[in-house]
C-alpha atoms as a PDB file:
ATOM      1  CA  MET A   1     -27.643   3.784 -23.346  1.00  0.00           C
ATOM      2  CA  ARG A   2     -30.387   5.334 -21.611  1.00  0.00           C
ATOM      3  CA  GLY A   3     -30.558   7.060 -18.353  1.00  0.00           C
ATOM      4  CA  GLN A   4     -31.691   9.979 -16.363  1.00  0.00           C
ATOM      5  CA  ILE A   5     -30.219  13.191 -15.742  1.00  0.00           C
ATOM      6  CA  LEU A   6     -29.706  13.488 -11.833  1.00  0.00           C
ATOM      7  CA  SER A   7     -27.985  16.919 -11.538  1.00  0.00           C
ATOM      8  CA  PHE A   8     -26.929  19.743 -13.841  1.00  0.00           C
ATOM      9  CA  ASP A   9     -25.043  22.911 -12.688  1.00  0.00           C
ATOM     10  CA  ASP A  10     -25.922  25.792 -15.296  1.00  0.00           C
ATOM     11  CA  ALA A  11     -23.214  28.032 -14.118  1.00  0.00           C
ATOM     12  CA  SER A  12     -20.449  25.290 -14.790  1.00  0.00           C
ATOM     13  CA  GLY A  13     -22.046  23.642 -17.598  1.00  0.00           C
ATOM     14  CA  ALA A  14     -21.655  20.132 -15.973  1.00  0.00           C
ATOM     15  CA  GLY A  15     -23.965  17.383 -14.727  1.00  0.00           C
ATOM     16  CA  LEU A  16     -24.245  13.606 -13.967  1.00  0.00           C
ATOM     17  CA  ILE A  17     -26.681  11.046 -15.271  1.00  0.00           C
ATOM     18  CA  SER A  18     -27.445   7.952 -13.865  1.00  0.00           C
ATOM     19  CA  GLY A  19     -27.583   5.131 -16.805  1.00  0.00           C
ATOM     20  CA  ASP A  20     -29.888   2.164 -16.608  1.00  0.00           C
ATOM     21  CA  ASP A  21     -26.874  -0.072 -16.085  1.00  0.00           C
ATOM     22  CA  GLY A  22     -26.553   1.412 -12.576  1.00  0.00           C
ATOM     23  CA  ILE A  23     -23.297   3.500 -13.433  1.00  0.00           C
ATOM     24  CA  ARG A  24     -23.094   7.215 -13.055  1.00  0.00           C
ATOM     25  CA  TYR A  25     -21.607   9.251 -16.068  1.00  0.00           C
ATOM     26  CA  SER A  26     -20.725  12.885 -15.992  1.00  0.00           C
ATOM     27  CA  PHE A  27     -21.540  15.189 -19.027  1.00  0.00           C
ATOM     28  CA  VAL A  28     -21.174  18.492 -20.266  1.00  0.00           C
ATOM     29  CA  ARG A  29     -24.004  21.126 -21.837  1.00  0.00           C
ATOM     30  CA  GLU A  30     -22.141  20.835 -25.296  1.00  0.00           C
ATOM     31  CA  ALA A  31     -22.734  17.064 -25.373  1.00  0.00           C
ATOM     32  CA  ILE A  32     -26.488  17.443 -25.843  1.00  0.00           C
ATOM     33  CA  SER A  33     -27.803  17.877 -29.303  1.00  0.00           C
ATOM     34  CA  PRO A  34     -29.860  19.668 -30.191  1.00  0.00           C
ATOM     35  CA  PRO A  35     -29.646  22.297 -27.454  1.00  0.00           C
ATOM     36  CA  ALA A  36     -32.310  22.491 -24.904  1.00  0.00           C
ATOM     37  CA  SER A  37     -33.243  23.281 -21.410  1.00  0.00           C
ATOM     38  CA  ILE A  38     -31.602  20.986 -18.847  1.00  0.00           C
ATOM     39  CA  THR A  39     -33.319  20.021 -15.529  1.00  0.00           C
ATOM     40  CA  ALA A  40     -33.062  16.885 -13.103  1.00  0.00           C
ATOM     41  CA  GLY A  41     -35.170  14.023 -13.775  1.00  0.00           C
ATOM     42  CA  LEU A  42     -35.206  14.008 -18.031  1.00  0.00           C
ATOM     43  CA  ARG A  43     -34.880  10.848 -19.536  1.00  0.00           C
ATOM     44  CA  VAL A  44     -31.714  10.885 -22.095  1.00  0.00           C
ATOM     45  CA  ASP A  45     -30.283   8.571 -24.351  1.00  0.00           C
ATOM     46  CA  PHE A  46     -26.659   8.688 -24.403  1.00  0.00           C
ATOM     47  CA  VAL A  47     -23.374   7.197 -25.605  1.00  0.00           C
ATOM     48  CA  PRO A  48     -20.745   6.243 -22.772  1.00  0.00           C
ATOM     49  CA  VAL A  49     -17.232   6.835 -22.982  1.00  0.00           C
ATOM     50  CA  ALA A  50     -14.677   6.219 -20.454  1.00  0.00           C
ATOM     51  CA  GLY A  51     -17.146   7.286 -17.561  1.00  0.00           C
ATOM     52  CA  GLU A  52     -18.633  10.130 -19.636  1.00  0.00           C
ATOM     53  CA  ALA A  53     -21.877  10.364 -21.365  1.00  0.00           C
ATOM     54  CA  THR A  54     -21.782  11.761 -24.923  1.00  0.00           C
ATOM     55  CA  ASN A  55     -23.932  12.434 -27.951  1.00  0.00           C
ATOM     56  CA  ILE A  56     -26.905  12.931 -25.607  1.00  0.00           C
ATOM     57  CA  MET A  57     -30.433  13.396 -26.688  1.00  0.00           C
ATOM     58  CA  LEU A  58     -33.311  14.539 -24.369  1.00  0.00           C
ATOM     59  CA  LEU A  59     -36.098  12.134 -24.348  1.00  0.00           C
ATOM     60  CA  ALA A  60     -38.729  12.813 -21.984  1.00  0.00           C
ATOM     61  CA  ALA A  61     -39.220  13.828 -18.075  1.00  0.00           C
ATOM     62  CA  ALA A  62     -39.286  10.877 -15.916  1.00  0.00           C
ATOM     63  CA  PRO A  63     -42.516   9.995 -13.810  1.00  0.00           C
ATOM     64  CA  PRO A  64     -41.908  11.185 -10.029  1.00  0.00           C
ATOM     65  CA  PRO A  65     -40.424   8.222  -8.346  1.00  0.00           C
ATOM     66  CA  ALA A  66     -41.448   7.149  -4.699  1.00  0.00           C
ATOM     67  CA  GLY A  67     -37.878   7.969  -3.390  1.00  0.00           C
ATOM     68  CA  PRO A  68     -34.416   7.409  -4.363  1.00  0.00           C
ATOM     69  CA  SER A  69     -33.314   4.346  -5.821  1.00  0.00           C
ATOM     70  CA  PRO A  70     -30.246   2.562  -6.029  1.00  0.00           C
ATOM     71  CA  THR A  71     -31.129   0.670  -9.129  1.00  0.00           C
ATOM     72  CA  PRO A  72     -33.263   2.315 -11.672  1.00  0.00           C
ATOM     73  CA  GLY A  73     -37.126   0.895 -11.660  1.00  0.00           C
ATOM     74  CA  VAL A  74     -36.266  -0.842  -8.517  1.00  0.00           C
ATOM     75  CA  PRO A  75     -38.465   0.118  -5.169  1.00  0.00           C
ATOM     76  CA  ILE A  76     -36.097   1.141  -2.336  1.00  0.00           C
ATOM     77  CA  ASP A  77     -37.271  -1.822  -0.032  1.00  0.00           C
ATOM     78  CA  SER A  78     -37.485  -4.659  -3.186  1.00  0.00           C
ATOM     79  CA  PHE A  79     -34.936  -7.472  -3.376  1.00  0.00           C
ATOM     80  CA  ASN A  80     -33.761  -7.751  -6.768  1.00  0.00           C
ATOM     81  CA  PHE A  81     -31.881 -11.034  -7.138  1.00  0.00           C
ATOM     82  CA  GLN A  82     -29.962  -9.941 -10.422  1.00  0.00           C
ATOM     83  CA  HIS A  83     -28.711  -6.638  -8.761  1.00  0.00           C
ATOM     84  CA  VAL A  84     -27.899  -8.197  -5.237  1.00  0.00           C
ATOM     85  CA  LEU A  85     -26.483 -11.381  -6.356  1.00  0.00           C
ATOM     86  CA  PHE A  86     -24.600 -11.027  -9.494  1.00  0.00           C
ATOM     87  CA  SER A  87     -23.757  -7.239  -9.916  1.00  0.00           C
ATOM     88  CA  PHE A  88     -20.787  -5.452  -8.384  1.00  0.00           C
ATOM     89  CA  ASN A  89     -21.864  -2.130  -9.150  1.00  0.00           C
ATOM     90  CA  GLY A  90     -23.899   0.103  -6.641  1.00  0.00           C
ATOM     91  CA  ARG A  91     -24.512  -0.476  -2.750  1.00  0.00           C
ATOM     92  CA  ILE A  92     -26.984  -3.041  -1.048  1.00  0.00           C
ATOM     93  CA  ARG A  93     -28.595  -2.470   2.739  1.00  0.00           C
ATOM     94  CA  ARG A  94     -27.621  -4.527   5.342  1.00  0.00           C
ATOM     95  CA  GLN A  95     -31.068  -6.713   5.297  1.00  0.00           C
ATOM     96  CA  HIS A  96     -30.370  -7.519   1.837  1.00  0.00           C
ATOM     97  CA  PHE A  97     -27.033  -8.458   2.214  1.00  0.00           C
ATOM     98  CA  TRP A  98     -28.088 -11.139   4.779  1.00  0.00           C
ATOM     99  CA  ILE A  99     -30.750 -12.403   2.594  1.00  0.00           C
ATOM    100  CA  GLY A 100     -28.303 -12.573  -0.135  1.00  0.00           C
ATOM    101  CA  TRP A 101     -25.898 -14.753   2.116  1.00  0.00           C
ATOM    102  CA  LEU A 102     -28.490 -16.564   3.447  1.00  0.00           C
ATOM    103  CA  ILE A 103     -29.332 -17.762   0.186  1.00  0.00           C
ATOM    104  CA  CYS A 104     -25.867 -18.525  -1.342  1.00  0.00           C
ATOM    105  CA  LEU A 105     -25.349 -20.752   2.396  1.00  0.00           C
ATOM    106  CA  GLY A 106     -28.476 -22.502   1.440  1.00  0.00           C
ATOM    107  CA  ALA A 107     -27.574 -23.226  -1.796  1.00  0.00           C
ATOM    108  CA  GLY A 108     -24.006 -24.448  -0.620  1.00  0.00           C
ATOM    109  CA  VAL A 109     -25.800 -26.843   1.866  1.00  0.00           C
ATOM    110  CA  VAL A 110     -28.026 -28.375  -0.717  1.00  0.00           C
ATOM    111  CA  LEU A 111     -24.834 -28.636  -3.438  1.00  0.00           C
ATOM    112  CA  GLY A 112     -22.924 -30.132  -0.798  1.00  0.00           C
ATOM    113  CA  TRP A 113     -25.196 -33.551  -0.781  1.00  0.00           C
ATOM    114  CA  ILE A 114     -24.652 -33.674  -4.411  1.00  0.00           C
ATOM    115  CA  PRO A 115     -21.672 -35.903  -5.078  1.00  0.00           C
ATOM    116  CA  LEU A 116     -18.787 -34.202  -7.979  1.00  0.00           C
ATOM    117  CA  LEU A 117     -21.495 -31.870  -9.824  1.00  0.00           C
ATOM    118  CA  GLY A 118     -22.390 -30.204  -6.349  1.00  0.00           C
ATOM    119  CA  MET A 119     -18.834 -29.392  -6.017  1.00  0.00           C
ATOM    120  CA  LEU A 120     -18.302 -28.085  -9.174  1.00  0.00           C
ATOM    121  CA  LEU A 121     -21.497 -25.955  -8.923  1.00  0.00           C
ATOM    122  CA  SER A 122     -20.530 -24.787  -5.285  1.00  0.00           C
ATOM    123  CA  ILE A 123     -17.477 -22.810  -6.989  1.00  0.00           C
ATOM    124  CA  ALA A 124     -20.019 -20.804  -8.903  1.00  0.00           C
ATOM    125  CA  LEU A 125     -21.217 -19.377  -5.321  1.00  0.00           C
ATOM    126  CA  ILE A 126     -18.148 -17.750  -5.102  1.00  0.00           C
ATOM    127  CA  TRP A 127     -19.645 -14.937  -7.565  1.00  0.00           C
ATOM    128  CA  PRO A 128     -22.512 -14.170  -5.900  1.00  0.00           C
ATOM    129  CA  ASN A 129     -20.489 -14.347  -2.501  1.00  0.00           C
ATOM    130  CA  LEU A 130     -18.105 -11.930  -3.843  1.00  0.00           C
ATOM    131  CA  ALA A 131     -20.811  -9.722  -5.149  1.00  0.00           C
ATOM    132  CA  ILE A 132     -23.054  -9.218  -1.766  1.00  0.00           C
ATOM    133  CA  SER A 133     -19.743  -8.279   0.124  1.00  0.00           C
ATOM    134  CA  VAL A 134     -18.282  -5.835  -2.522  1.00  0.00           C
ATOM    135  CA  LYS A 135     -21.845  -3.713  -2.531  1.00  0.00           C
ATOM    136  CA  ARG A 136     -21.698  -4.098   1.167  1.00  0.00           C
ATOM    137  CA  LEU A 137     -18.548  -2.745   1.171  1.00  0.00           C
ATOM    138  CA  HIS A 138     -19.659   0.123  -1.248  1.00  0.00           C
ATOM    139  CA  ASP A 139     -22.492   1.107   0.865  1.00  0.00           C
ATOM    140  CA  MET A 140     -20.002   1.714   3.884  1.00  0.00           C
ATOM    141  CA  GLY A 141     -17.975   4.034   1.728  1.00  0.00           C
ATOM    142  CA  HIS A 142     -14.802   1.207   1.379  1.00  0.00           C
ATOM    143  CA  THR A 143     -13.526  -0.163  -1.629  1.00  0.00           C
ATOM    144  CA  GLY A 144     -14.913  -3.802  -3.183  1.00  0.00           C
ATOM    145  CA  TRP A 145     -11.057  -4.775  -3.011  1.00  0.00           C
ATOM    146  CA  LEU A 146     -11.404  -5.373   0.695  1.00  0.00           C
ATOM    147  CA  VAL A 147     -13.355  -8.358  -0.035  1.00  0.00           C
ATOM    148  CA  VAL A 148      -9.952 -10.290  -0.448  1.00  0.00           C
ATOM    149  CA  ILE A 149      -9.256 -10.070   3.331  1.00  0.00           C
ATOM    150  CA  PRO A 150     -10.864 -13.347   4.273  1.00  0.00           C
ATOM    151  CA  TRP A 151      -9.563 -14.909   1.355  1.00  0.00           C
ATOM    152  CA  VAL A 152      -5.866 -13.990   1.671  1.00  0.00           C
ATOM    153  CA  ALA A 153      -6.317 -15.031   5.567  1.00  0.00           C
ATOM    154  CA  GLY A 154      -7.453 -18.558   4.382  1.00  0.00           C
ATOM    155  CA  PHE A 155      -5.068 -18.827   1.674  1.00  0.00           C
ATOM    156  CA  PHE A 156      -1.688 -18.098   3.800  1.00  0.00           C
ATOM    157  CA  GLY A 157      -3.419 -19.886   7.068  1.00  0.00           C
ATOM    158  CA  ALA A 158      -4.007 -23.059   4.942  1.00  0.00           C
ATOM    159  CA  ILE A 159       0.042 -22.502   4.062  1.00  0.00           C
ATOM    160  CA  ALA A 160       1.212 -21.736   7.394  1.00  0.00           C
ATOM    161  CA  ALA A 161      -0.894 -24.865   8.955  1.00  0.00           C
ATOM    162  CA  PHE A 162       0.609 -27.228   6.113  1.00  0.00           C
ATOM    163  CA  MET A 163       4.014 -26.144   7.275  1.00  0.00           C
ATOM    164  CA  THR A 164       3.519 -26.313  10.695  1.00  0.00           C
ATOM    165  CA  VAL A 165       2.405 -29.904  10.474  1.00  0.00           C
ATOM    166  CA  GLY A 166       5.075 -30.769   8.176  1.00  0.00           C
ATOM    167  CA  ALA A 167       7.781 -29.425  10.459  1.00  0.00           C
ATOM    168  CA  ALA A 168       6.434 -30.999  13.548  1.00  0.00           C
ATOM    169  CA  ALA A 169       6.322 -34.390  11.739  1.00  0.00           C
ATOM    170  CA  PHE A 170       9.744 -34.274  10.471  1.00  0.00           C
ATOM    171  CA  ALA A 171      11.123 -33.368  13.893  1.00  0.00           C
ATOM    172  CA  SER A 172       9.308 -36.157  14.986  1.00  0.00           C
ATOM    173  CA  GLY A 173      11.190 -38.581  12.458  1.00  0.00           C
ATOM    174  CA  GLY A 174       7.976 -39.092  10.423  1.00  0.00           C
ATOM    175  CA  TYR A 175       6.344 -41.366  12.914  1.00  0.00           C
ATOM    176  CA  ILE A 176       2.944 -40.638  14.818  1.00  0.00           C
ATOM    177  CA  ASP A 177       1.760 -42.614  17.321  1.00  0.00           C
ATOM    178  CA  GLU A 178      -1.950 -42.136  16.803  1.00  0.00           C
ATOM    179  CA  ASP A 179      -2.434 -44.023  19.795  1.00  0.00           C
ATOM    180  CA  ASN A 180      -0.953 -41.436  21.893  1.00  0.00           C
ATOM    181  CA  PRO A 181      -3.073 -38.303  22.057  1.00  0.00           C
ATOM    182  CA  ALA A 182      -0.403 -35.783  23.386  1.00  0.00           C
ATOM    183  CA  GLU A 183       1.877 -36.756  20.704  1.00  0.00           C
ATOM    184  CA  VAL A 184      -0.990 -36.291  18.011  1.00  0.00           C
ATOM    185  CA  PHE A 185      -1.947 -32.947  19.635  1.00  0.00           C
ATOM    186  CA  ALA A 186       1.695 -31.695  19.715  1.00  0.00           C
ATOM    187  CA  ILE A 187       1.615 -32.044  15.638  1.00  0.00           C
ATOM    188  CA  MET A 188      -1.609 -31.205  15.030  1.00  0.00           C
ATOM    189  CA  GLY A 189      -2.378 -28.643  17.859  1.00  0.00           C
ATOM    190  CA  PRO A 190      -0.409 -25.591  16.024  1.00  0.00           C
ATOM    191  CA  ALA A 191      -2.272 -26.000  12.896  1.00  0.00           C
ATOM    192  CA  LEU A 192      -5.573 -25.914  14.648  1.00  0.00           C
ATOM    193  CA  GLY A 193      -4.630 -23.021  16.256  1.00  0.00           C
ATOM    194  CA  ILE A 194      -3.805 -21.440  13.146  1.00  0.00           C
ATOM    195  CA  PHE A 195      -6.802 -22.305  11.395  1.00  0.00           C
ATOM    196  CA  GLY A 196      -8.914 -20.979  14.859  1.00  0.00           C
ATOM    197  CA  ILE A 197      -7.430 -17.773  14.013  1.00  0.00           C
ATOM    198  CA  VAL A 198      -8.385 -17.940  10.150  1.00  0.00           C
ATOM    199  CA  ALA A 199     -11.832 -18.595  11.187  1.00  0.00           C
ATOM    200  CA  LEU A 200     -11.857 -15.641  13.827  1.00  0.00           C
ATOM    201  CA  ILE A 201     -10.603 -13.299  10.824  1.00  0.00           C
ATOM    202  CA  GLN A 202     -13.458 -14.522   8.611  1.00  0.00           C
ATOM    203  CA  LEU A 203     -16.007 -14.281  11.052  1.00  0.00           C
ATOM    204  CA  GLY A 204     -15.214 -10.725  12.287  1.00  0.00           C
ATOM    205  CA  PHE A 205     -15.097  -9.707   8.447  1.00  0.00           C
ATOM    206  CA  LEU A 206     -18.577 -11.062   7.909  1.00  0.00           C
ATOM    207  CA  LEU A 207     -19.856  -9.351  11.023  1.00  0.00           C
ATOM    208  CA  TRP A 208     -18.125  -5.973  10.006  1.00  0.00           C
ATOM    209  CA  ILE A 209     -19.992  -6.030   6.506  1.00  0.00           C
ATOM    210  CA  GLY A 210     -23.114  -7.233   7.591  1.00  0.00           C
ATOM    211  CA  ILE A 211     -23.647  -4.960  10.678  1.00  0.00           C
ATOM    212  CA  ALA A 212     -21.761  -1.730  10.109  1.00  0.00           C
ATOM    213  CA  GLU A 213     -24.120   0.912   9.203  1.00  0.00           C
ATOM    214  CA  GLY A 214     -23.758   2.322   5.650  1.00  0.00           C
ATOM    215  CA  GLN A 215     -23.203   5.668   4.654  1.00  0.00           C
ATOM    216  CA  ARG A 216     -25.955   8.485   4.713  1.00  0.00           C
ATOM    217  CA  GLY A 217     -27.136   9.876   1.360  1.00  0.00           C
ATOM    218  CA  ASP A 218     -24.979   9.276  -1.814  1.00  0.00           C
ATOM    219  CA  ASN A 219     -21.396   8.137  -2.106  1.00  0.00           C
ATOM    220  CA  ARG A 220     -19.006   7.378  -4.857  1.00  0.00           C
ATOM    221  CA  PHE A 221     -20.511   3.907  -5.407  1.00  0.00           C
ATOM    222  CA  GLY A 222     -24.239   5.387  -5.828  1.00  0.00           C
ATOM    223  CA  PRO A 223     -27.368   6.472  -4.073  1.00  0.00           C
ATOM    224  CA  ASN A 224     -28.320   5.255  -0.647  1.00  0.00           C
ATOM    225  CA  PRO A 225     -30.116   1.884  -1.080  1.00  0.00           C
ATOM    226  CA  LYS A 226     -32.367   2.893   2.055  1.00  0.00           C
ATOM    227  CA  GLY A 227     -33.114   6.316   0.648  1.00  0.00           C
ATOM    228  CA  GLU A 228     -31.373   8.322   3.700  1.00  0.00           C
END
């Protein structure tokens, strides 16, 4: 794999390489062969092993970049479809999150008009929805596992609503007078309330990751996508 040296501490003999896969790898001076002067910006070829770069060979100095970039070779303000919609690594800015979200929403609406096949293809939209949410959480400095919050809320909310309706129907003896709005509401009302709470949780989560400011500078997930 190839990458670029981000930093190197001559005193400790340790440094950091940004791989072309968007992941950062630590390395030590002894991993470079043959021994040479090490400076930030040098292109290298290396073998990644458990988060560390080994068998490193220096290639050449990288051309001066226009500014920090979250993805090698991608300008700060460009929208990279592959990285934004399909990768779970690194960070994305709020603007790119909303662009990705609108793309997924539009695709979902279109697929909703296609019988059966559209429903099956809609399942594939789970991946890009998770990808943009995970990288937005990374930008805020949080673990991507927090993305399960709205999914868990929806799962347990559906179970709670089903149990509520079942219990109400059992209490009524299994008979529901559909012409009696009060009776219908007495059975369906609690379930609708549960779904309303779930919808608020999911909406709140979406607004949180879509509006909250990202961490300035680099964090453990990568460089700031805004170059700040």
